[in-house]
């Protein structure tokens, strides 16, 4: 999380540096050395970025909660209870996974089977140029159109997609 914060601030800093480079070009008209102005302004921007990063990281660490069971932490194991959640400015993120893999989990085939999940099955997405059969809800009238032409009709709620043609 801390590295993500630093990376985001650094990206913003680089964008600001590009903007500064563009704005320093006008210093020539004021008969000032653009290189000196760029150096001073860039150093000020860098100090501001450091202050922002320090402030945000400190705030994040202050809001983070430590596990209550210290014996598990000393042994290098994850606590067996629900992992506490850390509040950040953008949402909550779990501090630690619910269960870290141990050496016995790697060798135990039953533990590996428990971790596998069923794949999520989703209906095939209809592309704009795919032909679809649509049917009017009230009259039962059927039409075969490209999906991009049928979209406004379906949007009214009076028509429904019956099937997609291959």
N, C-alpha and C. Protein backbone atom coordinates (compact mmCIF):
# COMPACT_ATOMS: atom_id res chain seq x y z
N UNK A 1 0.82 -1.19 0.00
CA UNK A 1 0.00 0.00 0.00
C UNK A 1 0.87 1.26 0.00
N UNK A 2 1.92 1.23 0.78
CA UNK A 2 2.79 2.40 0.86
C UNK A 2 3.48 2.64 -0.48
N UNK A 3 3.93 1.57 -1.11
CA UNK A 3 4.57 1.72 -2.43
C UNK A 3 3.59 2.26 -3.45
N UNK A 4 2.33 1.85 -3.38
CA UNK A 4 1.32 2.36 -4.30
C UNK A 4 1.10 3.86 -4.08
N UNK A 5 1.10 4.27 -2.82
CA UNK A 5 0.95 5.71 -2.51
C UNK A 5 2.13 6.50 -3.09
N UNK A 6 3.32 5.99 -2.87
CA UNK A 6 4.51 6.68 -3.37
C UNK A 6 4.48 6.74 -4.89
N UNK A 7 4.10 5.64 -5.53
CA UNK A 7 4.06 5.61 -7.00
C UNK A 7 3.05 6.61 -7.54
N UNK A 8 1.90 6.71 -6.91
CA UNK A 8 0.89 7.65 -7.38
C UNK A 8 1.37 9.09 -7.25
N UNK A 9 1.95 9.42 -6.10
CA UNK A 9 2.45 10.78 -5.91
C UNK A 9 3.60 11.08 -6.87
N UNK A 10 4.43 10.07 -7.15
CA UNK A 10 5.55 10.29 -8.05
C UNK A 10 5.05 10.56 -9.47
N UNK A 11 4.00 9.83 -9.89
CA UNK A 11 3.43 10.08 -11.22
C UNK A 11 2.88 11.50 -11.31
N UNK A 12 2.17 11.92 -10.26
CA UNK A 12 1.65 13.28 -10.25
C UNK A 12 2.78 14.29 -10.30
N UNK A 13 3.87 14.01 -9.57
CA UNK A 13 5.03 14.90 -9.55
C UNK A 13 5.64 15.03 -10.95
N UNK A 14 5.74 13.91 -11.66
CA UNK A 14 6.31 13.96 -13.01
C UNK A 14 5.42 14.77 -13.95
N UNK A 15 4.10 14.65 -13.78
CA UNK A 15 3.19 15.46 -14.60
C UNK A 15 3.38 16.95 -14.29
N UNK A 16 3.52 17.27 -13.01
CA UNK A 16 3.73 18.66 -12.62
C UNK A 16 5.06 19.18 -13.16
N UNK A 17 6.07 18.32 -13.20
CA UNK A 17 7.37 18.73 -13.74
C UNK A 17 7.25 19.04 -15.23
N UNK A 18 6.46 18.24 -15.96
CA UNK A 18 6.23 18.53 -17.38
C UNK A 18 5.53 19.88 -17.55
N UNK A 19 4.54 20.13 -16.69
CA UNK A 19 3.84 21.42 -16.76
C UNK A 19 4.78 22.57 -16.44
N UNK A 20 5.66 22.35 -15.46
CA UNK A 20 6.63 23.39 -15.09
C UNK A 20 7.58 23.67 -16.24
N UNK A 21 8.02 22.62 -16.92
CA UNK A 21 8.93 22.81 -18.05
C UNK A 21 8.27 23.68 -19.13
N UNK A 22 6.98 23.44 -19.36
CA UNK A 22 6.27 24.24 -20.36
C UNK A 22 6.13 25.70 -19.90
N UNK A 23 5.85 25.89 -18.62
CA UNK A 23 5.62 27.26 -18.13
C UNK A 23 6.90 28.06 -17.99
N UNK A 24 8.03 27.41 -17.81
CA UNK A 24 9.31 28.11 -17.64
C UNK A 24 9.75 28.75 -18.95
N UNK A 25 9.24 28.25 -20.05
CA UNK A 25 9.64 28.81 -21.35
C UNK A 25 9.31 30.30 -21.45
N UNK A 26 8.28 30.73 -20.73
CA UNK A 26 7.91 32.16 -20.79
C UNK A 26 8.88 33.05 -20.01
N UNK A 27 9.75 32.47 -19.22
CA UNK A 27 10.71 33.26 -18.43
C UNK A 27 11.69 33.99 -19.34
N UNK A 28 11.88 33.51 -20.54
CA UNK A 28 12.79 34.16 -21.48
C UNK A 28 12.27 35.56 -21.79
N UNK A 29 10.97 35.70 -21.91
CA UNK A 29 10.38 37.01 -22.21
C UNK A 29 10.55 37.99 -21.06
N UNK A 30 10.71 37.48 -19.84
CA UNK A 30 10.92 38.33 -18.68
C UNK A 30 12.40 38.61 -18.45
N UNK A 31 13.24 38.18 -19.36
CA UNK A 31 14.69 38.33 -19.31
C UNK A 31 15.27 37.70 -18.05
N UNK A 32 14.77 36.49 -17.75
CA UNK A 32 15.29 35.70 -16.62
C UNK A 32 15.82 34.40 -17.18
N UNK A 33 16.72 33.79 -16.43
CA UNK A 33 17.31 32.53 -16.87
C UNK A 33 16.31 31.39 -16.60
N UNK A 34 15.78 30.74 -17.64
CA UNK A 34 14.79 29.69 -17.45
C UNK A 34 15.34 28.48 -16.67
N UNK A 35 16.64 28.21 -16.82
CA UNK A 35 17.22 27.07 -16.13
C UNK A 35 17.21 27.28 -14.62
N UNK A 36 17.55 28.49 -14.17
CA UNK A 36 17.53 28.77 -12.73
C UNK A 36 16.11 28.68 -12.18
N UNK A 37 15.17 29.26 -12.88
CA UNK A 37 13.78 29.22 -12.43
C UNK A 37 13.31 27.77 -12.36
N UNK A 38 13.66 26.96 -13.37
CA UNK A 38 13.26 25.55 -13.39
C UNK A 38 13.86 24.81 -12.20
N UNK A 39 15.13 25.08 -11.88
CA UNK A 39 15.77 24.40 -10.75
C UNK A 39 15.08 24.75 -9.42
N UNK A 40 14.82 26.03 -9.20
CA UNK A 40 14.20 26.45 -7.94
C UNK A 40 12.77 25.91 -7.82
N UNK A 41 12.00 26.05 -8.87
CA UNK A 41 10.61 25.61 -8.83
C UNK A 41 10.51 24.08 -8.71
N UNK A 42 11.39 23.36 -9.39
CA UNK A 42 11.35 21.90 -9.32
C UNK A 42 11.73 21.41 -7.92
N UNK A 43 12.69 22.09 -7.28
CA UNK A 43 13.05 21.71 -5.92
C UNK A 43 11.88 21.95 -4.97
N UNK A 44 11.16 23.05 -5.16
CA UNK A 44 9.98 23.32 -4.33
C UNK A 44 8.91 22.24 -4.54
N UNK A 45 8.70 21.85 -5.80
CA UNK A 45 7.72 20.80 -6.09
C UNK A 45 8.13 19.48 -5.44
N UNK A 46 9.43 19.18 -5.49
CA UNK A 46 9.92 17.95 -4.88
C UNK A 46 9.70 17.94 -3.37
N UNK A 47 9.95 19.09 -2.73
CA UNK A 47 9.71 19.18 -1.28
C UNK A 47 8.24 18.98 -0.97
N UNK A 48 7.35 19.51 -1.81
CA UNK A 48 5.91 19.33 -1.59
C UNK A 48 5.51 17.86 -1.75
N UNK A 49 6.10 17.18 -2.73
CA UNK A 49 5.78 15.75 -2.93
C UNK A 49 6.25 14.94 -1.72
N UNK A 50 7.45 15.23 -1.24
CA UNK A 50 7.94 14.52 -0.05
C UNK A 50 7.02 14.74 1.14
N UNK A 51 6.57 15.96 1.32
CA UNK A 51 5.68 16.27 2.44
C UNK A 51 4.35 15.51 2.28
N UNK A 52 3.80 15.48 1.05
CA UNK A 52 2.54 14.76 0.82
C UNK A 52 2.70 13.27 1.11
N UNK A 53 3.79 12.69 0.61
CA UNK A 53 4.01 11.26 0.81
C UNK A 53 4.19 10.96 2.29
N UNK A 54 5.00 11.75 2.97
CA UNK A 54 5.20 11.54 4.41
C UNK A 54 3.90 11.66 5.17
N UNK A 55 3.10 12.65 4.82
CA UNK A 55 1.82 12.86 5.51
C UNK A 55 0.87 11.69 5.27
N UNK A 56 0.77 11.24 4.03
CA UNK A 56 -0.17 10.16 3.72
C UNK A 56 0.28 8.84 4.32
N UNK A 57 1.58 8.55 4.26
CA UNK A 57 2.09 7.29 4.82
C UNK A 57 1.92 7.29 6.33
N UNK A 58 2.22 8.40 6.96
CA UNK A 58 2.04 8.50 8.41
C UNK A 58 0.58 8.32 8.78
N UNK A 59 -0.31 8.95 8.03
CA UNK A 59 -1.73 8.81 8.28
C UNK A 59 -2.18 7.37 8.11
N UNK A 60 -1.70 6.71 7.06
CA UNK A 60 -2.05 5.31 6.82
C UNK A 60 -1.57 4.42 7.95
N UNK A 61 -0.32 4.60 8.38
CA UNK A 61 0.21 3.77 9.44
C UNK A 61 -0.48 4.03 10.77
N UNK A 62 -0.90 5.26 11.00
CA UNK A 62 -1.61 5.58 12.25
C UNK A 62 -2.99 4.93 12.28
N UNK A 63 -3.61 4.79 11.12
CA UNK A 63 -4.95 4.19 11.06
C UNK A 63 -4.90 2.67 11.00
N UNK A 64 -3.75 2.10 10.65
CA UNK A 64 -3.64 0.65 10.54
C UNK A 64 -3.72 0.03 11.92
N UNK A 65 -4.32 -1.14 11.97
CA UNK A 65 -4.42 -1.83 13.26
C UNK A 65 -3.52 -3.05 13.24
N UNK A 66 -2.93 -3.34 14.38
CA UNK A 66 -2.05 -4.49 14.52
C UNK A 66 -2.87 -5.69 15.00
N UNK A 67 -2.45 -6.91 14.68
CA UNK A 67 -3.16 -8.08 15.16
C UNK A 67 -3.14 -8.14 16.68
N UNK A 68 -4.25 -8.60 17.27
CA UNK A 68 -4.34 -8.64 18.72
C UNK A 68 -3.55 -9.81 19.31
N UNK A 69 -3.41 -10.90 18.57
CA UNK A 69 -2.72 -12.08 19.07
C UNK A 69 -1.24 -11.97 18.72
N UNK A 70 -0.42 -11.54 19.69
CA UNK A 70 1.00 -11.32 19.44
C UNK A 70 1.79 -12.61 19.31
N UNK A 71 1.31 -13.73 19.89
CA UNK A 71 2.06 -14.98 19.81
C UNK A 71 2.14 -15.47 18.37
N UNK A 72 1.06 -15.28 17.60
CA UNK A 72 1.07 -15.72 16.21
C UNK A 72 2.03 -14.88 15.39
N UNK A 73 2.15 -13.60 15.72
CA UNK A 73 3.04 -12.72 14.99
C UNK A 73 4.49 -13.11 15.26
N UNK A 74 4.81 -13.45 16.50
CA UNK A 74 6.18 -13.83 16.84
C UNK A 74 6.59 -15.12 16.14
N UNK A 75 5.63 -16.03 15.95
CA UNK A 75 5.94 -17.30 15.33
C UNK A 75 5.92 -17.22 13.81
N UNK A 76 5.50 -16.08 13.25
CA UNK A 76 5.48 -15.92 11.81
C UNK A 76 4.26 -16.53 11.16
N UNK A 77 3.20 -16.78 11.94
CA UNK A 77 1.98 -17.35 11.40
C UNK A 77 0.91 -16.28 11.34
N UNK A 78 -0.06 -16.53 10.49
CA UNK A 78 -1.19 -15.61 10.41
C UNK A 78 -2.17 -15.95 11.52
N UNK A 79 -2.84 -14.95 12.11
CA UNK A 79 -3.85 -15.25 13.11
C UNK A 79 -4.99 -16.05 12.49
N UNK A 80 -5.59 -16.92 13.26
CA UNK A 80 -6.64 -17.81 12.74
C UNK A 80 -8.01 -17.13 12.73
N UNK A 81 -8.11 -15.96 13.27
CA UNK A 81 -9.39 -15.25 13.29
C UNK A 81 -9.50 -14.37 12.06
N UNK A 82 -10.64 -13.70 11.93
CA UNK A 82 -10.87 -12.79 10.81
C UNK A 82 -9.80 -11.69 10.84
N UNK A 83 -9.20 -11.40 9.70
CA UNK A 83 -8.17 -10.38 9.63
C UNK A 83 -8.79 -9.00 9.81
N UNK A 84 -8.19 -8.14 10.65
CA UNK A 84 -8.73 -6.79 10.82
C UNK A 84 -8.58 -6.00 9.54
N UNK A 85 -9.45 -5.03 9.35
CA UNK A 85 -9.44 -4.23 8.13
C UNK A 85 -8.80 -2.88 8.43
N UNK A 86 -8.08 -2.38 7.47
CA UNK A 86 -7.40 -1.11 7.60
C UNK A 86 -8.18 -0.06 6.83
N UNK A 87 -8.45 1.05 7.45
CA UNK A 87 -9.17 2.13 6.77
C UNK A 87 -8.16 3.00 6.04
N UNK A 88 -8.45 3.29 4.79
CA UNK A 88 -7.64 4.23 4.03
C UNK A 88 -8.58 5.26 3.46
N UNK A 89 -8.03 6.24 2.79
CA UNK A 89 -8.85 7.28 2.21
C UNK A 89 -9.70 6.78 1.06
N UNK A 90 -9.32 5.68 0.43
CA UNK A 90 -10.03 5.20 -0.75
C UNK A 90 -10.89 3.98 -0.47
N UNK A 91 -10.90 3.45 0.71
CA UNK A 91 -11.69 2.26 1.02
C UNK A 91 -10.95 1.43 2.03
N UNK A 92 -11.41 0.22 2.25
CA UNK A 92 -10.76 -0.62 3.23
C UNK A 92 -10.04 -1.76 2.53
N UNK A 93 -8.91 -2.13 3.11
CA UNK A 93 -8.07 -3.17 2.54
C UNK A 93 -7.71 -4.12 3.66
N UNK A 94 -7.76 -5.42 3.45
CA UNK A 94 -7.38 -6.32 4.52
C UNK A 94 -5.89 -6.22 4.81
N UNK A 95 -5.54 -6.31 6.10
CA UNK A 95 -4.13 -6.24 6.50
C UNK A 95 -3.37 -7.48 6.07
N UNK A 96 -3.98 -8.65 6.23
CA UNK A 96 -3.30 -9.89 5.93
C UNK A 96 -4.30 -10.87 5.37
N UNK A 97 -3.84 -11.83 4.60
CA UNK A 97 -4.77 -12.85 4.12
C UNK A 97 -5.31 -13.66 5.28
N UNK A 98 -6.48 -14.28 5.08
CA UNK A 98 -7.10 -15.01 6.17
C UNK A 98 -6.24 -16.18 6.63
N UNK A 99 -5.60 -16.86 5.68
CA UNK A 99 -4.72 -17.95 6.07
C UNK A 99 -3.55 -17.99 5.11
N UNK A 100 -2.36 -17.88 5.65
CA UNK A 100 -1.17 -17.97 4.82
C UNK A 100 -0.84 -19.43 4.57
N UNK A 101 -0.33 -19.76 3.37
CA UNK A 101 0.02 -21.16 3.12
C UNK A 101 1.19 -21.59 3.98
N UNK A 102 1.11 -22.79 4.50
CA UNK A 102 2.21 -23.33 5.29
C UNK A 102 2.81 -24.48 4.50
N UNK A 103 3.89 -25.03 5.03
CA UNK A 103 4.55 -26.13 4.32
C UNK A 103 3.61 -27.32 4.17
N UNK A 104 2.78 -27.57 5.19
CA UNK A 104 1.88 -28.72 5.11
C UNK A 104 0.82 -28.52 4.03
N UNK A 105 0.40 -27.27 3.78
CA UNK A 105 -0.60 -27.00 2.74
C UNK A 105 -0.05 -27.29 1.36
N UNK A 106 1.25 -27.07 1.14
CA UNK A 106 1.84 -27.30 -0.17
C UNK A 106 1.86 -28.79 -0.50
N UNK A 107 2.07 -29.61 0.52
CA UNK A 107 2.19 -31.04 0.29
C UNK A 107 0.86 -31.77 0.39
N UNK A 108 -0.16 -31.16 0.94
CA UNK A 108 -1.45 -31.80 1.16
C UNK A 108 -2.37 -31.57 -0.03
N UNK A 109 -2.69 -32.63 -0.82
CA UNK A 109 -3.54 -32.44 -1.99
C UNK A 109 -4.96 -32.03 -1.63
N UNK A 110 -5.47 -32.44 -0.45
CA UNK A 110 -6.84 -32.07 -0.07
C UNK A 110 -6.93 -30.57 0.19
N UNK A 111 -5.86 -29.96 0.71
CA UNK A 111 -5.87 -28.52 0.94
C UNK A 111 -5.88 -27.77 -0.38
N UNK A 112 -5.19 -28.32 -1.38
CA UNK A 112 -5.17 -27.67 -2.68
C UNK A 112 -6.53 -27.76 -3.35
N UNK A 113 -7.25 -28.87 -3.16
CA UNK A 113 -8.58 -29.02 -3.75
C UNK A 113 -9.57 -28.03 -3.14
N UNK A 114 -9.43 -27.74 -1.87
CA UNK A 114 -10.35 -26.82 -1.20
C UNK A 114 -10.19 -25.40 -1.73
N UNK A 115 -9.00 -25.04 -2.15
CA UNK A 115 -8.75 -23.68 -2.61
C UNK A 115 -9.30 -23.42 -4.00
N UNK A 116 -9.49 -24.47 -4.82
CA UNK A 116 -9.98 -24.28 -6.17
C UNK A 116 -11.42 -23.83 -6.13
N UNK A 117 -11.74 -22.90 -6.97
CA UNK A 117 -13.10 -22.36 -7.03
C UNK A 117 -13.68 -22.66 -8.40
N UNK A 118 -15.00 -22.67 -8.46
CA UNK A 118 -15.68 -22.83 -9.74
C UNK A 118 -15.47 -21.58 -10.57
N UNK A 119 -15.24 -21.73 -11.87
CA UNK A 119 -15.10 -20.53 -12.70
C UNK A 119 -16.44 -19.82 -12.83
N UNK A 120 -16.37 -18.53 -12.96
CA UNK A 120 -17.57 -17.73 -13.13
C UNK A 120 -18.01 -17.87 -14.58
N UNK A 121 -19.23 -18.26 -14.79
CA UNK A 121 -19.73 -18.43 -16.14
C UNK A 121 -20.60 -17.24 -16.48
N UNK A 122 -20.30 -16.64 -17.59
CA UNK A 122 -21.01 -15.45 -18.03
C UNK A 122 -21.55 -15.72 -19.43
N UNK A 123 -22.73 -15.18 -19.70
CA UNK A 123 -23.27 -15.34 -21.05
C UNK A 123 -22.35 -14.65 -22.04
N UNK A 124 -22.35 -15.17 -23.26
CA UNK A 124 -21.51 -14.59 -24.29
C UNK A 124 -21.97 -13.17 -24.56
N UNK A 125 -21.03 -12.26 -24.65
CA UNK A 125 -21.35 -10.86 -24.89
C UNK A 125 -21.74 -10.67 -26.35
N UNK A 126 -22.79 -9.90 -26.55
CA UNK A 126 -23.25 -9.62 -27.91
C UNK A 126 -22.50 -8.41 -28.43
N UNK A 127 -21.83 -8.57 -29.56
CA UNK A 127 -21.11 -7.45 -30.17
C UNK A 127 -22.08 -6.62 -31.00
N UNK A 128 -21.69 -5.42 -31.33
CA UNK A 128 -22.57 -4.50 -32.05
C UNK A 128 -23.01 -5.03 -33.42
N UNK A 129 -22.15 -5.73 -34.12
CA UNK A 129 -22.47 -6.19 -35.47
C UNK A 129 -23.01 -7.61 -35.52
N UNK A 130 -23.20 -8.25 -34.36
CA UNK A 130 -23.79 -9.58 -34.34
C UNK A 130 -25.28 -9.49 -34.64
N UNK A 131 -25.79 -10.45 -35.39
CA UNK A 131 -27.21 -10.49 -35.68
C UNK A 131 -27.93 -11.17 -34.52
N UNK A 132 -29.07 -10.59 -34.11
CA UNK A 132 -29.85 -11.13 -33.01
C UNK A 132 -31.32 -11.22 -33.44
N UNK A 133 -32.03 -12.17 -32.87
CA UNK A 133 -33.47 -12.26 -33.05
C UNK A 133 -34.11 -11.56 -31.86
N UNK A 134 -34.98 -10.60 -32.14
CA UNK A 134 -35.68 -9.90 -31.07
C UNK A 134 -37.17 -10.14 -31.25
N UNK A 135 -37.90 -10.07 -30.14
CA UNK A 135 -39.33 -10.32 -30.17
C UNK A 135 -40.04 -9.23 -29.38
N UNK A 136 -41.17 -8.75 -29.96
CA UNK A 136 -41.99 -7.75 -29.28
C UNK A 136 -42.73 -8.45 -28.15
N UNK A 137 -42.73 -7.85 -26.96
CA UNK A 137 -43.30 -8.47 -25.79
C UNK A 137 -44.82 -8.62 -25.93
N UNK A 138 -45.51 -7.60 -26.41
CA UNK A 138 -46.98 -7.61 -26.48
C UNK A 138 -47.50 -8.37 -27.70
N UNK A 139 -46.99 -8.06 -28.89
CA UNK A 139 -47.56 -8.64 -30.11
C UNK A 139 -46.91 -9.95 -30.51
N UNK A 140 -45.70 -10.25 -30.03
CA UNK A 140 -45.02 -11.48 -30.39
C UNK A 140 -44.30 -11.40 -31.72
N UNK A 141 -44.27 -10.22 -32.34
CA UNK A 141 -43.60 -10.03 -33.63
C UNK A 141 -42.10 -10.26 -33.45
N UNK A 142 -41.49 -10.95 -34.42
CA UNK A 142 -40.06 -11.25 -34.36
C UNK A 142 -39.35 -10.53 -35.49
N UNK A 143 -38.11 -10.08 -35.20
CA UNK A 143 -37.27 -9.43 -36.19
C UNK A 143 -35.85 -9.95 -36.03
N UNK A 144 -35.10 -9.95 -37.13
CA UNK A 144 -33.68 -10.26 -37.09
C UNK A 144 -32.93 -9.01 -37.52
N UNK A 145 -32.14 -8.48 -36.59
CA UNK A 145 -31.41 -7.23 -36.82
C UNK A 145 -30.00 -7.36 -36.27
N UNK A 146 -29.15 -6.43 -36.69
CA UNK A 146 -27.86 -6.30 -36.02
C UNK A 146 -28.14 -5.72 -34.64
N UNK A 147 -27.29 -6.09 -33.68
CA UNK A 147 -27.52 -5.66 -32.30
C UNK A 147 -27.52 -4.14 -32.16
N UNK A 148 -26.67 -3.46 -32.93
CA UNK A 148 -26.60 -2.00 -32.83
C UNK A 148 -27.90 -1.36 -33.29
N UNK A 149 -28.65 -2.02 -34.20
CA UNK A 149 -29.94 -1.49 -34.63
C UNK A 149 -31.04 -1.90 -33.66
N UNK A 150 -30.86 -3.02 -32.98
CA UNK A 150 -31.86 -3.51 -32.04
C UNK A 150 -31.75 -2.86 -30.67
N UNK A 151 -30.61 -2.28 -30.36
CA UNK A 151 -30.38 -1.68 -29.03
C UNK A 151 -31.44 -0.65 -28.65
N UNK A 152 -31.78 0.32 -29.53
CA UNK A 152 -32.81 1.29 -29.13
C UNK A 152 -34.16 0.64 -28.86
N UNK A 153 -34.51 -0.39 -29.59
CA UNK A 153 -35.78 -1.07 -29.38
C UNK A 153 -35.78 -1.82 -28.05
N UNK A 154 -34.65 -2.47 -27.75
CA UNK A 154 -34.54 -3.21 -26.50
C UNK A 154 -34.55 -2.24 -25.32
N UNK A 155 -33.96 -1.08 -25.53
CA UNK A 155 -33.90 -0.07 -24.47
C UNK A 155 -35.27 0.44 -24.05
N UNK A 156 -36.24 0.41 -24.95
CA UNK A 156 -37.58 0.87 -24.60
C UNK A 156 -38.30 -0.11 -23.69
N UNK A 157 -37.87 -1.37 -23.70
CA UNK A 157 -38.50 -2.38 -22.86
C UNK A 157 -39.61 -3.13 -23.57
N UNK A 158 -39.93 -2.73 -24.78
CA UNK A 158 -40.99 -3.40 -25.52
C UNK A 158 -40.46 -4.62 -26.28
N UNK A 159 -39.16 -4.67 -26.54
CA UNK A 159 -38.54 -5.76 -27.28
C UNK A 159 -37.53 -6.46 -26.38
N UNK A 160 -37.36 -7.78 -26.60
CA UNK A 160 -36.38 -8.56 -25.87
C UNK A 160 -35.58 -9.41 -26.84
N UNK A 161 -34.33 -9.72 -26.48
CA UNK A 161 -33.50 -10.58 -27.31
C UNK A 161 -33.93 -12.03 -27.09
N UNK A 162 -34.29 -12.70 -28.17
CA UNK A 162 -34.69 -14.09 -28.09
C UNK A 162 -33.46 -14.99 -28.17
N UNK A 163 -32.63 -14.78 -29.20
CA UNK A 163 -31.38 -15.55 -29.31
C UNK A 163 -30.42 -14.82 -30.23
N UNK A 164 -29.18 -15.17 -30.07
CA UNK A 164 -28.13 -14.59 -30.89
C UNK A 164 -27.82 -15.58 -32.00
N UNK A 165 -27.68 -15.08 -33.21
CA UNK A 165 -27.36 -15.98 -34.32
C UNK A 165 -25.86 -16.16 -34.41
N UNK A 166 -25.46 -17.35 -34.81
CA UNK A 166 -24.03 -17.65 -34.89
C UNK A 166 -23.45 -17.19 -36.20
